[in-house]
Protein backbone atom coordinates (compact mmCIF):
# COMPACT_ATOMS: atom_id res chain seq x y z
CA UNK A 1 78.01 159.69 82.90
CA UNK A 2 80.17 159.40 85.90
CA UNK A 3 82.45 156.13 86.19
CA UNK A 4 81.35 153.81 89.20
CA UNK A 5 84.47 153.15 91.56
CA UNK A 6 82.40 150.87 93.76
CA UNK A 7 80.30 153.83 94.62
CA UNK A 8 83.12 156.19 95.25
CA UNK A 9 83.73 159.34 93.06
CA UNK A 10 80.31 159.40 92.01
CA UNK A 11 79.49 163.17 93.25
CA UNK A 12 81.53 166.40 92.67
CA UNK A 13 82.28 166.74 96.54
CA UNK A 14 83.75 163.14 96.35
CA UNK A 15 85.85 163.87 93.19
CA UNK A 16 86.92 167.23 94.57
CA UNK A 17 88.02 165.80 97.84
CA UNK A 18 89.92 162.90 96.20
CA UNK A 19 91.58 165.24 93.78
CA UNK A 20 92.63 167.46 96.38
CA UNK A 21 94.42 164.69 98.13
CA UNK A 22 95.92 163.64 94.95
CA UNK A 23 97.16 167.16 94.01
CA UNK A 24 99.00 167.73 97.31
CA UNK A 25 100.51 164.30 97.38
CA UNK A 26 101.97 164.86 93.95
CA UNK A 27 103.30 168.19 94.98
CA UNK A 28 104.66 167.12 98.34
CA UNK A 29 106.45 164.13 96.87
CA UNK A 30 108.00 166.03 94.26
CA UNK A 31 109.24 168.54 96.64
CA UNK A 32 110.80 165.98 99.10
CA UNK A 33 112.24 163.93 95.99
CA UNK A 34 113.91 167.38 94.84
CA UNK A 35 115.26 167.99 98.34
CA UNK A 36 116.70 164.41 98.49
CA UNK A 37 118.43 164.58 95.04
CA UNK A 38 119.98 168.00 95.94
CA UNK A 39 121.46 166.77 99.18
CA UNK A 40 122.47 163.29 97.62
CA UNK A 41 124.38 164.97 95.11
CA UNK A 42 126.59 166.77 97.65
CA UNK A 43 126.65 164.50 100.82
CA UNK A 44 127.38 160.75 101.52
CA UNK A 45 123.70 159.58 102.56
CA UNK A 46 125.29 156.58 104.13
CA UNK A 47 126.63 158.85 107.05
CA UNK A 48 124.24 158.62 109.88
CA UNK A 49 124.34 162.41 110.04
CA UNK A 50 122.63 162.79 106.93
CA UNK A 51 120.20 159.77 106.91
CA UNK A 52 117.25 162.19 108.19
CA UNK A 53 117.15 162.96 104.31
CA UNK A 54 116.36 159.48 102.79
CA UNK A 55 114.11 158.72 105.88
CA UNK A 56 112.20 162.24 104.98
CA UNK A 57 111.74 160.85 101.52
CA UNK A 58 110.51 157.49 102.53
CA UNK A 59 108.15 158.71 105.30
CA UNK A 60 106.35 161.20 103.15
CA UNK A 61 106.12 158.82 100.21
CA UNK A 62 104.48 156.20 102.69
CA UNK A 63 102.24 158.81 104.26
CA UNK A 64 101.00 160.04 101.08
CA UNK A 65 100.22 156.72 99.65
CA UNK A 66 98.49 155.82 102.73
CA UNK A 67 96.42 158.91 102.66
CA UNK A 68 95.29 158.51 98.97
CA UNK A 69 94.32 154.65 100.04
CA UNK A 70 92.43 155.96 103.16
CA UNK A 71 90.62 158.57 101.29
CA UNK A 72 89.36 156.27 98.41
CA UNK A 73 88.46 153.84 101.12
CA UNK A 74 86.40 156.36 103.21
CA UNK A 75 84.64 157.35 100.07
CA UNK A 76 84.10 153.96 98.92
CA UNK A 77 82.56 153.03 102.43
CA UNK A 78 80.94 156.38 102.91
CA UNK A 79 82.70 156.69 106.33
CA UNK A 80 82.48 160.10 107.76
CA UNK A 81 84.34 158.98 110.85
CA UNK A 82 87.42 157.82 108.39
CA UNK A 83 87.32 161.22 106.73
CA UNK A 84 87.53 162.89 110.09
CA UNK A 85 90.52 160.76 110.78
CA UNK A 86 91.94 161.70 107.59
CA UNK A 87 91.86 165.38 108.51
CA UNK A 88 93.71 164.51 111.90
CA UNK A 89 96.27 162.56 109.97
CA UNK A 90 96.77 165.43 107.54
CA UNK A 91 97.13 167.98 110.45
CA UNK A 92 100.02 165.54 111.79
CA UNK A 93 101.78 165.62 108.40
CA UNK A 94 101.82 169.48 108.72
CA UNK A 95 103.70 169.08 111.97
CA UNK A 96 105.90 166.39 110.57
CA UNK A 97 106.90 168.46 107.40
CA UNK A 98 107.45 171.52 109.75
CA UNK A 99 109.98 169.40 112.02
CA UNK A 100 111.87 168.32 108.89
CA UNK A 101 112.81 171.78 108.16
CA UNK A 102 114.56 171.94 111.60
CA UNK A 103 116.08 168.48 111.32
CA UNK A 104 117.55 169.05 107.81
CA UNK A 105 119.16 172.15 109.31
CA UNK A 106 120.62 170.27 111.90
CA UNK A 107 122.05 167.65 109.40
CA UNK A 108 123.42 169.92 107.19
CA UNK A 109 124.56 173.13 108.91
CA UNK A 110 127.63 172.86 111.06
CA UNK A 111 129.04 176.31 109.92
CA UNK A 112 126.09 178.50 110.09
CA UNK A 113 128.30 181.71 109.17
CA UNK A 114 129.94 180.52 106.19
CA UNK A 115 128.58 181.31 102.44
CA UNK A 116 128.80 179.22 99.30
CA UNK A 117 132.29 180.31 98.61
CA UNK A 118 133.63 179.33 102.08
CA UNK A 119 131.65 176.09 102.99
CA UNK A 120 128.91 175.01 100.21
CA UNK A 121 127.81 171.96 102.10
CA UNK A 122 128.04 172.72 105.63
CA UNK A 123 127.53 176.46 105.67
CA UNK A 124 124.19 178.29 106.59
CA UNK A 125 124.77 181.39 104.60
CA UNK A 126 123.82 182.72 101.11
CA UNK A 127 124.22 180.32 98.25
CA UNK A 128 124.85 177.17 100.49
CA UNK A 129 123.34 173.82 100.04
CA UNK A 130 120.96 174.57 102.95
CA UNK A 131 119.66 177.64 101.36
CA UNK A 132 118.99 175.73 98.20
CA UNK A 133 117.02 173.19 99.70
CA UNK A 134 115.19 175.53 101.99
CA UNK A 135 112.43 176.67 99.64
CA UNK A 136 111.48 173.04 98.81
CA UNK A 137 111.28 172.19 102.49
CA UNK A 138 108.92 175.09 103.21
CA UNK A 139 106.74 174.36 100.26
CA UNK A 140 105.81 170.94 101.37
CA UNK A 141 103.97 172.19 104.76
CA UNK A 142 102.46 175.12 103.11
CA UNK A 143 100.78 172.86 100.52
CA UNK A 144 99.78 170.33 103.17
CA UNK A 145 98.22 173.22 105.00
CA UNK A 146 96.51 174.84 102.23
CA UNK A 147 94.97 171.47 101.16
CA UNK A 148 94.01 170.81 104.86
CA UNK A 149 91.67 173.73 104.69
CA UNK A 150 90.34 172.80 101.45
CA UNK A 151 89.79 169.16 102.43
CA UNK A 152 87.83 170.33 105.57
CA UNK A 153 85.51 172.17 103.44
CA UNK A 154 84.60 169.03 101.23
CA UNK A 155 84.54 166.89 104.40
CA UNK A 156 81.54 169.17 105.44
CA UNK A 157 79.94 168.60 102.30
CA UNK A 158 80.53 164.93 102.46
CA UNK A 159 79.18 164.79 105.99
CA UNK A 160 75.58 165.82 104.66
CA UNK A 161 76.00 163.27 101.67
CA UNK A 162 76.80 160.43 103.53
CA UNK A 163 74.51 161.12 106.61
CA UNK A 164 71.99 158.49 105.46
CA UNK A 165 74.63 155.55 105.40
CA UNK A 166 74.42 154.51 108.86
CA UNK A 167 70.50 154.57 108.95
CA UNK A 168 70.73 152.30 105.70
CA UNK A 169 72.95 149.95 107.47
CA UNK A 170 71.67 149.60 111.39
CA UNK A 171 68.18 151.11 110.95
CA UNK A 172 66.86 153.78 113.21
CA UNK A 173 67.71 152.36 116.68
CA UNK A 174 69.87 154.81 118.36
CA UNK A 175 71.66 152.09 120.54
CA UNK A 176 72.69 150.16 117.18
CA UNK A 177 73.81 153.69 115.56
CA UNK A 178 76.24 154.27 118.45
CA UNK A 179 77.50 150.61 118.84
CA UNK A 180 78.35 150.76 114.95
CA UNK A 181 79.92 154.14 115.30
CA UNK A 182 82.13 152.85 117.83
CA UNK A 183 82.97 149.81 115.56
CA UNK A 184 83.81 152.35 112.87
CA UNK A 185 86.36 154.35 115.01
CA UNK A 186 87.77 151.11 116.01
CA UNK A 187 88.53 149.95 112.57
CA UNK A 188 89.69 153.34 111.55
CA UNK A 189 92.11 153.45 114.40
CA UNK A 190 93.50 150.02 113.56
CA UNK A 191 94.30 151.34 110.18
CA UNK A 192 96.12 154.43 111.48
CA UNK A 193 97.83 152.24 114.13
CA UNK A 194 99.32 150.29 110.98
CA UNK A 195 100.73 153.57 109.63
CA UNK A 196 102.12 154.76 112.80
CA UNK A 197 104.05 151.49 113.62
CA UNK A 198 105.37 151.07 110.16
CA UNK A 199 106.47 154.86 110.25
CA UNK A 200 108.32 154.53 113.50
CA UNK A 201 109.90 151.31 112.43
CA UNK A 202 111.04 152.38 108.95
CA UNK A 203 112.68 155.44 110.52
CA UNK A 204 114.50 153.08 112.95
CA UNK A 205 115.80 150.76 110.35
CA UNK A 206 116.77 153.59 107.98
CA UNK A 207 118.29 156.19 110.40
CA UNK A 208 120.02 154.59 113.36
CA UNK A 209 120.02 150.71 113.47
CA UNK A 210 122.91 148.47 112.46
CA UNK A 211 122.27 145.24 111.33
CA UNK A 212 124.61 143.54 113.99
CA UNK A 213 122.90 145.03 116.98
CA UNK A 214 120.34 143.45 119.17
CA UNK A 215 118.12 146.34 118.97
CA UNK A 216 117.75 145.81 115.24
CA UNK A 217 116.77 142.02 115.73
CA UNK A 218 114.03 143.11 118.32
CA UNK A 219 112.85 145.79 115.63
CA UNK A 220 112.54 143.38 112.99
CA UNK A 221 110.90 140.69 115.29
CA UNK A 222 108.23 143.26 116.23
CA UNK A 223 107.16 143.89 112.63
CA UNK A 224 105.24 140.65 112.20
CA UNK A 225 103.86 140.61 115.78
CA UNK A 226 102.29 143.79 115.63
CA UNK A 227 100.98 143.26 111.98
CA UNK A 228 99.34 140.11 113.18
CA UNK A 229 97.79 142.11 116.30
CA UNK A 230 96.34 144.66 114.17
CA UNK A 231 94.84 142.21 111.50
CA UNK A 232 93.77 139.69 114.16
CA UNK A 233 91.96 142.63 116.29
CA UNK A 234 90.28 143.81 113.19
CA UNK A 235 89.01 140.25 112.51
CA UNK A 236 88.03 139.86 116.01
CA UNK A 237 86.09 142.95 116.30
CA UNK A 238 84.38 142.60 113.08
CA UNK A 239 83.33 138.83 113.77
CA UNK A 240 82.82 139.15 117.57
CA UNK A 241 85.60 136.63 118.43
CA UNK A 242 85.92 136.99 122.01
CA UNK A 243 89.23 134.89 122.56
CA UNK A 244 90.98 136.76 119.80
CA UNK A 245 89.65 140.00 120.89
CA UNK A 246 91.10 139.19 124.40
CA UNK A 247 94.57 138.16 123.06
CA UNK A 248 94.62 141.27 120.91
CA UNK A 249 93.96 143.68 123.88
CA UNK A 250 96.68 141.93 125.93
CA UNK A 251 98.94 142.27 122.91
CA UNK A 252 98.22 145.80 122.75
CA UNK A 253 99.56 146.39 126.29
CA UNK A 254 102.58 144.81 125.28
CA UNK A 255 102.96 147.27 122.37
CA UNK A 256 102.66 150.00 124.35
CA UNK A 257 105.54 148.93 126.66
CA UNK A 258 107.49 148.65 123.41
CA UNK A 259 106.80 152.24 122.26
CA UNK A 260 108.04 153.31 126.04
CA UNK A 261 111.10 151.26 125.67
CA UNK A 262 111.96 153.23 122.34
CA UNK A 263 111.28 156.54 123.65
CA UNK A 264 113.72 155.91 126.56
CA UNK A 265 116.41 154.78 124.14
CA UNK A 266 116.20 158.17 122.22
CA UNK A 267 117.09 160.17 125.49
CA UNK A 268 119.46 157.75 127.27
CA UNK A 269 123.02 159.04 127.38
CA UNK A 270 124.43 155.86 125.90
CA UNK A 271 122.37 155.86 122.88
CA UNK A 272 121.02 159.42 122.44
CA UNK A 273 123.88 160.59 120.05
CA UNK A 274 122.46 157.84 117.41
CA UNK A 275 119.13 160.12 117.19
CA UNK A 276 120.56 163.38 117.11
CA UNK A 277 119.38 164.39 113.72
CA UNK A 278 115.88 162.88 113.99
CA UNK A 279 115.02 162.95 117.62
CA UNK A 280 112.37 165.52 117.15
CA UNK A 281 110.58 163.55 114.37
CA UNK A 282 111.08 160.08 115.85
CA UNK A 283 109.83 161.32 119.24
CA UNK A 284 106.79 162.86 117.84
CA UNK A 285 105.86 159.94 115.71
CA UNK A 286 106.36 157.56 118.55
CA UNK A 287 104.26 159.43 120.96
CA UNK A 288 101.31 159.62 118.38
CA UNK A 289 101.89 155.74 117.72
CA UNK A 290 101.60 155.30 121.69
CA UNK A 291 98.47 157.59 121.81
CA UNK A 292 96.80 155.85 118.89
CA UNK A 293 97.44 152.49 120.35
CA UNK A 294 96.00 153.64 123.74
CA UNK A 295 92.84 155.01 122.09
CA UNK A 296 92.64 151.57 120.13
CA UNK A 297 92.70 149.79 123.51
CA UNK A 298 90.16 151.87 125.24
CA UNK A 299 87.78 151.87 122.15
CA UNK A 300 88.41 148.07 121.68
CA UNK A 301 87.10 147.61 125.48
CA UNK A 302 83.81 149.52 124.60
CA UNK A 303 83.46 147.34 121.35
CA UNK A 304 84.08 144.03 123.32
CA UNK A 305 81.29 145.23 125.61
CA UNK A 306 78.93 145.25 122.71
CA UNK A 307 79.69 141.73 121.38
CA UNK A 308 76.46 139.39 121.16
CA UNK A 309 74.12 142.60 120.93
CA UNK A 310 72.76 141.95 117.40
CA UNK A 311 75.42 143.88 115.53
CA UNK A 312 77.38 141.21 113.82
CA UNK A 313 75.24 141.25 110.41
CA UNK A 314 75.84 145.04 110.04
CA UNK A 315 79.42 144.57 110.70
CA UNK A 316 79.79 141.88 108.19
CA UNK A 317 77.44 143.11 105.49
CA UNK A 318 77.01 147.17 106.07
CA UNK A 319 80.17 147.69 103.68
CA UNK A 320 77.74 146.99 100.73
CA UNK A 321 76.08 150.11 101.02
CA UNK A 322 74.22 151.44 97.93
CA UNK A 323 72.95 154.91 97.32
CA UNK A 324 69.46 155.44 98.38
CA UNK A 325 67.21 157.30 95.66
CA UNK A 326 66.01 160.64 96.53
CA UNK A 327 62.52 159.85 95.96
CA UNK A 328 62.94 156.86 98.61
CA UNK A 329 64.32 159.45 101.07
CA UNK A 330 61.46 161.75 100.30
CA UNK A 331 58.80 158.85 100.74
CA UNK A 332 60.13 158.25 104.20
CA UNK A 333 60.43 161.83 105.32
CA UNK A 334 57.88 163.62 103.54
CA UNK A 335 57.18 165.32 100.35
CA UNK A 336 59.62 167.98 99.08
CA UNK A 337 58.62 171.37 100.00
CA UNK A 338 58.22 172.73 96.46
CA UNK A 339 55.59 170.14 95.76
CA UNK A 340 53.22 171.52 98.57
CA UNK A 341 51.87 169.85 101.51
CA UNK A 342 48.22 170.53 100.42
CA UNK A 343 48.48 168.45 97.28
CA UNK A 344 47.83 164.87 96.66
CA UNK A 345 47.04 162.31 99.56
CA UNK A 346 47.42 163.59 103.15
CA UNK A 347 50.82 162.83 104.98
CA UNK A 348 50.68 160.56 107.78
CA UNK A 349 52.39 161.45 111.12
CA UNK A 350 55.98 162.05 110.51
CA UNK A 351 58.52 159.95 112.61
CA UNK A 352 61.98 161.26 113.55
CA UNK A 353 65.04 158.93 113.25
CA UNK A 354 67.16 160.58 115.83
């Protein structure tokens, strides 16, 4: 008898999807931890040149834990849109893991022609520290990429499995279905905004900022402001609080300016040297965060326009979705084909939901 996790993991496709996420997370974290351990044994990680390694470890631990939470949350809520978001997030992890190969090479190798007998730590030849950690750096993006393909297959299965959920929540009204889907996209984007912002901030705090600088204080001050923004926006869009939604949208524009400021700092002549070993990752992460927040702003405007149109009950109570019995579905859509359409009482006129 399957264990009930609030409606999640009750089918083979759900368990297989969650198992794939968990398996790749364990493998990737182990690969990253081995890389970190090997580098830590040979170089001082307090040196700014090598801080990309602890940043790499922290970033992927955060990313994998976040993905596990998002996967379980999507299965619990039967949220196909969030499952698609997870696939896009997973694709971004492939890019980030691939970039880390280049950035670790930049941090470790200053004498590319030396072998292990000449310069074990900084050499790029056979037997060097770089050659020892390279296989583990390569395994991570390969495992993420293979698991991505597997996850796409199971998301396809879950799409058909969860297709009934929105009808159960909002009924057969196409307009209500569209408005609810925009609402789901908005909530999903806010969750990914949270990760993107924490990811950028964590990298900045670990890698390049000294506690005595003004920029450090600015980065610390931005954390509670953005967290309040994301939580407030989620409450506003769910409960249709207009004044809070207005404030949230305005703060989003301010947060966009913050990301632009950070991008400029990465390449300014007087500060670019601070980001030498992590510039690729930070730039990619910051651009993704900027685009996510811009998309959130745009979808937020669309959701704002849908306030007071009768969707608030579905937003507040739609999460308590219960599985619909197969017999109930057949009672609405008609008898099963194998039972025969000529047996029993005659069928009434069939109604199309879409």
